[in-house]
Amino acid sequence: MLATIAGAHGLRVAAEGFADRRYETDGTLTPRDRPDALIDDPEEALRQVTG
């Protein structure tokens, strides 16, 4: 329901997200085999979730 309302107002919605994973510019998860795939800094993870 919230996703439908958000979409009607032009907002992008993610069904799930991961605070400790990096994302590519297209919105997909960075592959785990890349050294920069995981976020281990709590402040950076918080910025990702709230930003």
PDB file of N, CA and C in Angstrom:
ATOM      1  N   MET A   1       0.820  -1.185   0.000  1.00  0.00           N
ATOM      2  CA  MET A   1       0.000   0.000   0.000  1.00  0.00           C
ATOM      3  C   MET A   1       0.870   1.257   0.000  1.00  0.00           C
ATOM      4  N   LEU A   2       1.863   1.315   0.873  1.00  0.00           N
ATOM      5  CA  LEU A   2       2.729   2.493   0.911  1.00  0.00           C
ATOM      6  C   LEU A   2       3.485   2.675  -0.393  1.00  0.00           C
ATOM      7  N   ALA A   3       3.934   1.565  -0.989  1.00  0.00           N
ATOM      8  CA  ALA A   3       4.654   1.650  -2.254  1.00  0.00           C
ATOM      9  C   ALA A   3       3.760   2.211  -3.352  1.00  0.00           C
ATOM     10  N   THR A   4       2.504   1.839  -3.348  1.00  0.00           N
ATOM     11  CA  THR A   4       1.556   2.343  -4.339  1.00  0.00           C
ATOM     12  C   THR A   4       1.347   3.842  -4.178  1.00  0.00           C
ATOM     13  N   ILE A   5       1.176   4.284  -2.963  1.00  0.00           N
ATOM     14  CA  ILE A   5       0.981   5.712  -2.690  1.00  0.00           C
ATOM     15  C   ILE A   5       2.231   6.498  -3.063  1.00  0.00           C
ATOM     16  N   ALA A   6       3.389   5.979  -2.677  1.00  0.00           N
ATOM     17  CA  ALA A   6       4.643   6.666  -3.000  1.00  0.00           C
ATOM     18  C   ALA A   6       4.824   6.762  -4.508  1.00  0.00           C
ATOM     19  N   GLY A   7       4.562   5.674  -5.222  1.00  0.00           N
ATOM     20  CA  GLY A   7       4.683   5.678  -6.673  1.00  0.00           C
ATOM     21  C   GLY A   7       3.747   6.676  -7.325  1.00  0.00           C
ATOM     22  N   ALA A   8       2.551   6.821  -6.792  1.00  0.00           N
ATOM     23  CA  ALA A   8       1.584   7.779  -7.328  1.00  0.00           C
ATOM     24  C   ALA A   8       2.067   9.212  -7.171  1.00  0.00           C
ATOM     25  N   HIS A   9       2.971   9.423  -6.228  1.00  0.00           N
ATOM     26  CA  HIS A   9       3.525  10.753  -6.001  1.00  0.00           C
ATOM     27  C   HIS A   9       4.915  10.920  -6.617  1.00  0.00           C
ATOM     28  N   GLY A  10       5.286   9.981  -7.476  1.00  0.00           N
ATOM     29  CA  GLY A  10       6.550  10.084  -8.194  1.00  0.00           C
ATOM     30  C   GLY A  10       7.783   9.693  -7.394  1.00  0.00           C
ATOM     31  N   LEU A  11       7.580   9.014  -6.266  1.00  0.00           N
ATOM     32  CA  LEU A  11       8.718   8.604  -5.444  1.00  0.00           C
ATOM     33  C   LEU A  11       9.172   7.207  -5.834  1.00  0.00           C
ATOM     34  N   ARG A  12      10.486   6.989  -5.795  1.00  0.00           N
ATOM     35  CA  ARG A  12      11.027   5.655  -6.037  1.00  0.00           C
ATOM     36  C   ARG A  12      10.947   4.852  -4.749  1.00  0.00           C
ATOM     37  N   VAL A  13      10.641   3.579  -4.880  1.00  0.00           N
ATOM     38  CA  VAL A  13      10.468   2.710  -3.718  1.00  0.00           C
ATOM     39  C   VAL A  13      11.359   1.481  -3.867  1.00  0.00           C
ATOM     40  N   ALA A  14      12.033   1.127  -2.790  1.00  0.00           N
ATOM     41  CA  ALA A  14      12.802  -0.119  -2.753  1.00  0.00           C
ATOM     42  C   ALA A  14      12.070  -1.090  -1.839  1.00  0.00           C
ATOM     43  N   ALA A  15      11.873  -2.304  -2.311  1.00  0.00           N
ATOM     44  CA  ALA A  15      11.167  -3.304  -1.511  1.00  0.00           C
ATOM     45  C   ALA A  15      12.000  -3.747  -0.318  1.00  0.00           C
ATOM     46  N   GLU A  16      13.304  -3.695  -0.466  1.00  0.00           N
ATOM     47  CA  GLU A  16      14.199  -4.003   0.643  1.00  0.00           C
ATOM     48  C   GLU A  16      15.513  -3.281   0.409  1.00  0.00           C
ATOM     49  N   GLY A  17      16.257  -3.126   1.455  1.00  0.00           N
ATOM     50  CA  GLY A  17      17.554  -2.476   1.346  1.00  0.00           C
ATOM     51  C   GLY A  17      18.507  -3.051   2.371  1.00  0.00           C
ATOM     52  N   PHE A  18      19.772  -2.847   2.125  1.00  0.00           N
ATOM     53  CA  PHE A  18      20.799  -3.388   3.005  1.00  0.00           C
ATOM     54  C   PHE A  18      21.737  -2.263   3.419  1.00  0.00           C
ATOM     55  N   ALA A  19      21.792  -1.994   4.700  1.00  0.00           N
ATOM     56  CA  ALA A  19      22.648  -0.916   5.203  1.00  0.00           C
ATOM     57  C   ALA A  19      24.118  -1.239   5.039  1.00  0.00           C
ATOM     58  N   ASP A  20      24.451  -2.528   5.030  1.00  0.00           N
ATOM     59  CA  ASP A  20      25.861  -2.920   5.008  1.00  0.00           C
ATOM     60  C   ASP A  20      26.375  -3.312   3.627  1.00  0.00           C
ATOM     61  N   ARG A  21      25.589  -3.030   2.576  1.00  0.00           N
ATOM     62  CA  ARG A  21      26.019  -3.358   1.218  1.00  0.00           C
ATOM     63  C   ARG A  21      26.035  -2.102   0.365  1.00  0.00           C
ATOM     64  N   ARG A  22      26.973  -2.044  -0.550  1.00  0.00           N
ATOM     65  CA  ARG A  22      27.025  -0.934  -1.502  1.00  0.00           C
ATOM     66  C   ARG A  22      26.168  -1.280  -2.720  1.00  0.00           C
ATOM     67  N   TYR A  23      25.725  -0.228  -3.395  1.00  0.00           N
ATOM     68  CA  TYR A  23      24.882  -0.380  -4.571  1.00  0.00           C
ATOM     69  C   TYR A  23      25.569   0.226  -5.787  1.00  0.00           C
ATOM     70  N   GLU A  24      25.284  -0.339  -6.949  1.00  0.00           N
ATOM     71  CA  GLU A  24      25.761   0.189  -8.219  1.00  0.00           C
ATOM     72  C   GLU A  24      24.864   1.364  -8.620  1.00  0.00           C
ATOM     73  N   THR A  25      25.280   2.117  -9.631  1.00  0.00           N
ATOM     74  CA  THR A  25      24.493   3.282 -10.057  1.00  0.00           C
ATOM     75  C   THR A  25      23.116   2.888 -10.593  1.00  0.00           C
ATOM     76  N   ASP A  26      22.971   1.632 -11.039  1.00  0.00           N
ATOM     77  CA  ASP A  26      21.665   1.189 -11.542  1.00  0.00           C
ATOM     78  C   ASP A  26      20.759   0.637 -10.444  1.00  0.00           C
ATOM     79  N   GLY A  27      21.224   0.693  -9.185  1.00  0.00           N
ATOM     80  CA  GLY A  27      20.416   0.249  -8.059  1.00  0.00           C
ATOM     81  C   GLY A  27      20.615  -1.203  -7.655  1.00  0.00           C
ATOM     82  N   THR A  28      21.413  -1.951  -8.409  1.00  0.00           N
ATOM     83  CA  THR A  28      21.692  -3.335  -8.033  1.00  0.00           C
ATOM     84  C   THR A  28      22.784  -3.376  -6.972  1.00  0.00           C
ATOM     85  N   LEU A  29      22.815  -4.475  -6.227  1.00  0.00           N
ATOM     86  CA  LEU A  29      23.849  -4.637  -5.208  1.00  0.00           C
ATOM     87  C   LEU A  29      25.217  -4.813  -5.858  1.00  0.00           C
ATOM     88  N   THR A  30      26.226  -4.227  -5.236  1.00  0.00           N
ATOM     89  CA  THR A  30      27.598  -4.454  -5.677  1.00  0.00           C
ATOM     90  C   THR A  30      27.930  -5.917  -5.408  1.00  0.00           C
ATOM     91  N   PRO A  31      28.477  -6.626  -6.391  1.00  0.00           N
ATOM     92  CA  PRO A  31      28.792  -8.047  -6.184  1.00  0.00           C
ATOM     93  C   PRO A  31      29.722  -8.256  -4.987  1.00  0.00           C
ATOM     94  N   ARG A  32      29.442  -9.279  -4.208  1.00  0.00           N
ATOM     95  CA  ARG A  32      30.222  -9.563  -2.998  1.00  0.00           C
ATOM     96  C   ARG A  32      31.681  -9.891  -3.289  1.00  0.00           C
ATOM     97  N   ASP A  33      32.001 -10.300  -4.505  1.00  0.00           N
ATOM     98  CA  ASP A  33      33.395 -10.626  -4.799  1.00  0.00           C
ATOM     99  C   ASP A  33      34.260  -9.385  -5.012  1.00  0.00           C
ATOM    100  N   ARG A  34      33.640  -8.214  -5.013  1.00  0.00           N
ATOM    101  CA  ARG A  34      34.416  -6.974  -5.100  1.00  0.00           C
ATOM    102  C   ARG A  34      34.792  -6.518  -3.705  1.00  0.00           C
ATOM    103  N   PRO A  35      36.015  -6.027  -3.531  1.00  0.00           N
ATOM    104  CA  PRO A  35      36.474  -5.646  -2.192  1.00  0.00           C
ATOM    105  C   PRO A  35      35.683  -4.500  -1.561  1.00  0.00           C
ATOM    106  N   ASP A  36      35.002  -3.702  -2.360  1.00  0.00           N
ATOM    107  CA  ASP A  36      34.245  -2.565  -1.828  1.00  0.00           C
ATOM    108  C   ASP A  36      32.755  -2.875  -1.654  1.00  0.00           C
ATOM    109  N   ALA A  37      32.365  -4.145  -1.720  1.00  0.00           N
ATOM    110  CA  ALA A  37      30.945  -4.517  -1.681  1.00  0.00           C
ATOM    111  C   ALA A  37      30.296  -4.297  -0.321  1.00  0.00           C
ATOM    112  N   LEU A  38      31.060  -4.481   0.749  1.00  0.00           N
ATOM    113  CA  LEU A  38      30.490  -4.381   2.091  1.00  0.00           C
ATOM    114  C   LEU A  38      30.858  -3.067   2.763  1.00  0.00           C
ATOM    115  N   ILE A  39      29.942  -2.539   3.542  1.00  0.00           N
ATOM    116  CA  ILE A  39      30.178  -1.336   4.344  1.00  0.00           C
ATOM    117  C   ILE A  39      30.396  -1.797   5.774  1.00  0.00           C
ATOM    118  N   ASP A  40      31.577  -1.496   6.314  1.00  0.00           N
ATOM    119  CA  ASP A  40      31.851  -1.922   7.692  1.00  0.00           C
ATOM    120  C   ASP A  40      31.911  -0.754   8.669  1.00  0.00           C
ATOM    121  N   ASP A  41      31.697   0.448   8.174  1.00  0.00           N
ATOM    122  CA  ASP A  41      31.688   1.637   9.030  1.00  0.00           C
ATOM    123  C   ASP A  41      30.235   1.972   9.391  1.00  0.00           C
ATOM    124  N   PRO A  42      29.877   1.917  10.674  1.00  0.00           N
ATOM    125  CA  PRO A  42      28.485   2.186  11.076  1.00  0.00           C
ATOM    126  C   PRO A  42      27.973   3.557  10.635  1.00  0.00           C
ATOM    127  N   GLU A  43      28.823   4.562  10.659  1.00  0.00           N
ATOM    128  CA  GLU A  43      28.389   5.908  10.244  1.00  0.00           C
ATOM    129  C   GLU A  43      28.065   5.939   8.753  1.00  0.00           C
ATOM    130  N   GLU A  44      28.873   5.269   7.956  1.00  0.00           N
ATOM    131  CA  GLU A  44      28.606   5.211   6.518  1.00  0.00           C
ATOM    132  C   GLU A  44      27.314   4.439   6.240  1.00  0.00           C
ATOM    133  N   ALA A  45      27.102   3.353   6.969  1.00  0.00           N
ATOM    134  CA  ALA A  45      25.871   2.576   6.812  1.00  0.00           C
ATOM    135  C   ALA A  45      24.650   3.425   7.172  1.00  0.00           C
ATOM    136  N   LEU A  46      24.756   4.193   8.237  1.00  0.00           N
ATOM    137  CA  LEU A  46      23.657   5.070   8.643  1.00  0.00           C
ATOM    138  C   LEU A  46      23.376   6.117   7.570  1.00  0.00           C
ATOM    139  N   ARG A  47      24.422   6.707   7.003  1.00  0.00           N
ATOM    140  CA  ARG A  47      24.232   7.700   5.933  1.00  0.00           C
ATOM    141  C   ARG A  47      23.527   7.073   4.731  1.00  0.00           C
ATOM    142  N   GLN A  48      23.879   5.843   4.430  1.00  0.00           N
ATOM    143  CA  GLN A  48      23.242   5.181   3.290  1.00  0.00           C
ATOM    144  C   GLN A  48      21.750   4.967   3.547  1.00  0.00           C
ATOM    145  N   VAL A  49      21.411   4.567   4.744  1.00  0.00           N
ATOM    146  CA  VAL A  49      20.007   4.294   5.075  1.00  0.00           C
ATOM    147  C   VAL A  49      19.181   5.574   5.131  1.00  0.00           C
ATOM    148  N   THR A  50      19.757   6.629   5.655  1.00  0.00           N
ATOM    149  CA  THR A  50      18.996   7.865   5.844  1.00  0.00           C
ATOM    150  C   THR A  50      19.168   8.856   4.704  1.00  0.00           C
ATOM    151  N   GLY A  51      20.103   8.597   3.803  1.00  0.00           N
ATOM    152  CA  GLY A  51      20.414   9.549   2.748  1.00  0.00           C
ATOM    153  C   GLY A  51      19.660   9.328   1.514  1.00  0.00           C
TER     154      GLY A  51
END
